[in-house]
């Protein structure tokens, strides 16, 4: 009888430890599953509506990572998304594939993303763009002129300038492809 009680206790301890182990594994995987689900939803659902604006765009003249002069004026007639960002900014890094995907899908519609990097060295910015396979124009802004014009020092931030040079939308924080499709695509489809 004593051996039977010891055997039952061992079985109970084993089953309890097994159940506890399964519970701990499940609890450890749950945050990963929730994070994966959240990322999937962010890609499929617009994030936040932009602020609607109506003022002339800036006359920005900066340089690209190769020290070539660049200006917003040379893109007049296109729909421009100015994105203020930095290589050290996690939400900026997260939104880069979304911006690239939208740019690639709409570049032939007269759309351009201008990624204005907020102060990192040119070689670091060029390396980041290459590693992340960014094909849209990247500009350097060591004096934070773009952030000063928009009076917003938070990163990332994005501004949509229509074909006539008027700032129509602004976002504080990251954007995704679904949000851009909802708000920017109608500007692209308007009479060119």
Protein backbone atom coordinates (compact mmCIF):
# COMPACT_ATOMS: atom_id res chain seq x y z
CA UNK A 1 0.00 0.00 0.00
CA UNK A 2 2.85 2.41 0.82
CA UNK A 3 4.46 1.77 -2.60
CA UNK A 4 1.14 2.52 -4.31
CA UNK A 5 0.84 5.86 -2.47
CA UNK A 6 4.45 6.77 -3.38
CA UNK A 7 3.78 5.85 -7.02
CA UNK A 8 0.62 7.99 -7.09
CA UNK A 9 2.49 10.92 -5.55
CA UNK A 10 5.25 10.59 -8.17
CA UNK A 11 2.65 10.47 -10.92
CA UNK A 12 0.90 13.50 -9.50
CA UNK A 13 4.18 15.42 -9.20
CA UNK A 14 5.15 14.41 -12.76
CA UNK A 15 1.77 15.46 -14.20
CA UNK A 16 1.89 18.74 -12.25
CA UNK A 17 5.43 19.52 -13.47
CA UNK A 18 4.47 18.59 -17.02
CA UNK A 19 1.40 20.85 -16.89
CA UNK A 20 3.48 23.66 -15.40
CA UNK A 21 6.09 23.25 -18.15
CA UNK A 22 3.44 23.39 -20.88
CA UNK A 23 1.89 26.44 -19.24
CA UNK A 24 5.26 28.25 -19.06
CA UNK A 25 6.06 27.46 -22.69
CA UNK A 26 2.62 28.72 -23.73
CA UNK A 27 3.02 31.86 -21.61
CA UNK A 28 6.42 32.49 -23.21
CA UNK A 29 5.04 32.11 -26.74
CA UNK A 30 1.93 34.22 -26.15
CA UNK A 31 3.70 37.62 -26.39
CA UNK A 32 5.39 36.51 -29.61
CA UNK A 33 2.05 35.50 -31.10
CA UNK A 34 0.38 38.72 -30.01
CA UNK A 35 3.26 40.77 -31.48
CA UNK A 36 3.04 38.88 -34.79
CA UNK A 37 -0.71 39.40 -34.91
CA UNK A 38 -0.33 43.11 -34.12
CA UNK A 39 2.23 43.55 -36.91
CA UNK A 40 -0.07 41.79 -39.36
CA UNK A 41 -2.95 44.06 -38.38
CA UNK A 42 -0.83 47.19 -38.69
CA UNK A 43 0.04 46.28 -42.24
CA UNK A 44 -3.56 45.59 -43.19
CA UNK A 45 -5.30 48.45 -41.36
CA UNK A 46 -4.64 52.18 -41.57
CA UNK A 47 -2.86 53.45 -38.47
CA UNK A 48 -4.11 56.96 -37.76
CA UNK A 49 -5.75 59.48 -40.00
CA UNK A 50 -3.48 62.38 -40.89
CA UNK A 51 -4.07 65.96 -39.90
CA UNK A 52 -5.57 67.79 -42.86
CA UNK A 53 -3.58 70.90 -43.73
CA UNK A 54 -3.54 73.61 -46.39
CA UNK A 55 -0.38 75.72 -46.61
CA UNK A 56 2.49 76.12 -49.09
CA UNK A 57 5.28 73.56 -48.90
CA UNK A 58 8.80 74.54 -47.91
CA UNK A 59 11.46 75.68 -50.35
CA UNK A 60 13.93 73.11 -49.04
CA UNK A 61 17.33 72.86 -50.68
CA UNK A 62 19.60 70.25 -49.08
CA UNK A 63 22.13 67.65 -50.24
CA UNK A 64 21.98 63.92 -50.80
CA UNK A 65 24.53 61.52 -49.20
CA UNK A 66 26.89 62.06 -52.18
CA UNK A 67 26.86 65.85 -51.52
CA UNK A 68 24.75 66.61 -54.61
CA UNK A 69 22.40 69.59 -54.22
CA UNK A 70 18.69 68.66 -54.15
CA UNK A 71 15.49 70.66 -53.73
CA UNK A 72 11.76 70.11 -53.38
CA UNK A 73 11.17 72.57 -56.21
CA UNK A 74 12.60 70.03 -58.69
CA UNK A 75 9.71 67.68 -57.80
CA UNK A 76 6.94 70.23 -58.44
CA UNK A 77 4.08 68.56 -60.33
CA UNK A 78 4.45 65.31 -58.38
CA UNK A 79 2.80 64.25 -55.15
CA UNK A 80 5.59 64.32 -52.55
CA UNK A 81 5.74 62.62 -49.19
CA UNK A 82 8.41 64.31 -47.05
CA UNK A 83 9.45 61.91 -44.30
CA UNK A 84 11.63 63.26 -41.46
CA UNK A 85 13.50 60.35 -39.91
CA UNK A 86 16.78 59.19 -38.33
CA UNK A 87 18.83 56.00 -38.51
CA UNK A 88 18.68 55.61 -34.70
CA UNK A 89 14.86 55.97 -34.48
CA UNK A 90 13.05 52.57 -34.05
CA UNK A 91 9.64 53.72 -35.41
CA UNK A 92 11.44 55.32 -38.37
CA UNK A 93 13.18 52.03 -39.12
CA UNK A 94 9.88 50.14 -38.81
CA UNK A 95 8.10 52.35 -41.34
CA UNK A 96 10.86 52.31 -43.98
CA UNK A 97 9.70 49.07 -45.69
CA UNK A 98 6.15 50.48 -45.78
CA UNK A 99 7.33 53.72 -47.40
CA UNK A 100 9.47 51.78 -49.88
CA UNK A 101 6.59 49.49 -50.84
CA UNK A 102 4.20 52.39 -51.43
CA UNK A 103 6.84 54.35 -53.34
CA UNK A 104 7.62 51.38 -55.57
CA UNK A 105 3.94 50.80 -56.27
CA UNK A 106 3.23 54.45 -57.16
CA UNK A 107 6.42 55.99 -58.55
CA UNK A 108 5.00 55.75 -62.08
CA UNK A 109 1.91 57.68 -60.93
CA UNK A 110 3.97 60.81 -60.24
CA UNK A 111 4.68 60.05 -56.58
CA UNK A 112 7.94 60.40 -54.68
CA UNK A 113 9.04 59.85 -51.09
CA UNK A 114 11.78 62.22 -49.95
CA UNK A 115 13.40 60.73 -46.86
CA UNK A 116 15.03 63.62 -44.98
CA UNK A 117 17.47 62.24 -42.42
CA UNK A 118 17.85 64.37 -39.31
CA UNK A 119 21.56 64.84 -38.81
CA UNK A 120 23.49 61.56 -39.05
CA UNK A 121 26.76 61.42 -41.06
CA UNK A 122 26.41 60.90 -44.81
CA UNK A 123 28.24 57.54 -44.84
CA UNK A 124 26.00 56.17 -42.08
CA UNK A 125 22.85 57.32 -43.91
CA UNK A 126 24.05 55.87 -47.24
CA UNK A 127 24.88 52.58 -45.54
CA UNK A 128 21.44 52.46 -43.91
CA UNK A 129 19.70 53.15 -47.25
CA UNK A 130 21.72 50.43 -48.97
CA UNK A 131 21.17 47.84 -46.22
CA UNK A 132 17.42 48.53 -46.27
CA UNK A 133 17.23 48.60 -50.08
CA UNK A 134 15.65 52.05 -50.14
CA UNK A 135 15.20 53.33 -53.69
CA UNK A 136 13.47 56.61 -52.94
CA UNK A 137 15.59 59.78 -52.60
CA UNK A 138 17.35 60.24 -49.28
CA UNK A 139 18.48 63.73 -48.26
CA UNK A 140 20.67 64.96 -45.43
CA UNK A 141 19.49 67.70 -43.08
CA UNK A 142 22.26 68.41 -40.55
CA UNK A 143 20.71 71.78 -39.58
CA UNK A 144 17.17 70.30 -39.17
CA UNK A 145 15.69 72.74 -41.67
CA UNK A 146 12.84 70.43 -42.58
CA UNK A 147 11.87 69.82 -38.96
CA UNK A 148 12.08 73.57 -38.35
CA UNK A 149 9.84 74.40 -41.30
CA UNK A 150 7.16 71.96 -40.14
CA UNK A 151 7.72 73.07 -36.52
CA UNK A 152 7.86 69.45 -35.42
CA UNK A 153 10.90 67.87 -33.79
CA UNK A 154 9.35 64.42 -33.29
CA UNK A 155 10.50 61.51 -35.43
CA UNK A 156 9.20 60.09 -37.62
CA UNK A 157 6.89 62.65 -39.15
CA UNK A 158 5.50 62.78 -42.67
CA UNK A 159 3.94 65.49 -44.83
CA UNK A 160 2.16 65.10 -48.16
CA UNK A 161 2.59 67.91 -50.68
CA UNK A 162 0.23 67.92 -53.66
CA UNK A 163 1.13 68.59 -57.30
CA UNK A 164 0.64 72.34 -56.81
CA UNK A 165 3.05 72.52 -53.86
CA UNK A 166 0.45 72.65 -51.07
CA UNK A 167 0.94 70.58 -47.90
CA UNK A 168 -2.30 68.56 -47.64
CA UNK A 169 -1.61 66.03 -44.87
CA UNK A 170 0.70 65.50 -41.92
CA UNK A 171 1.36 62.54 -39.64
CA UNK A 172 3.23 62.41 -36.38
CA UNK A 173 4.62 58.91 -35.87
CA UNK A 174 4.91 56.03 -38.29
CA UNK A 175 2.70 55.41 -41.29
CA UNK A 176 1.95 52.19 -43.12
CA UNK A 177 1.06 51.24 -46.67
CA UNK A 178 -2.68 50.89 -45.94
CA UNK A 179 -2.79 54.42 -44.52
CA UNK A 180 -0.95 55.80 -47.54
CA UNK A 181 -3.31 53.97 -49.90
CA UNK A 182 -6.30 55.48 -48.13
CA UNK A 183 -5.10 59.09 -48.03
CA UNK A 184 -2.39 59.61 -50.66
CA UNK A 185 -3.70 57.48 -53.54
CA UNK A 186 -6.72 59.80 -54.11
CA UNK A 187 -4.27 62.69 -54.63
CA UNK A 188 -2.43 60.59 -57.20
CA UNK A 189 -5.65 59.73 -58.98
CA UNK A 190 -6.72 63.38 -59.19
CA UNK A 191 -6.17 65.05 -62.56
CA UNK A 192 -2.45 65.05 -63.34
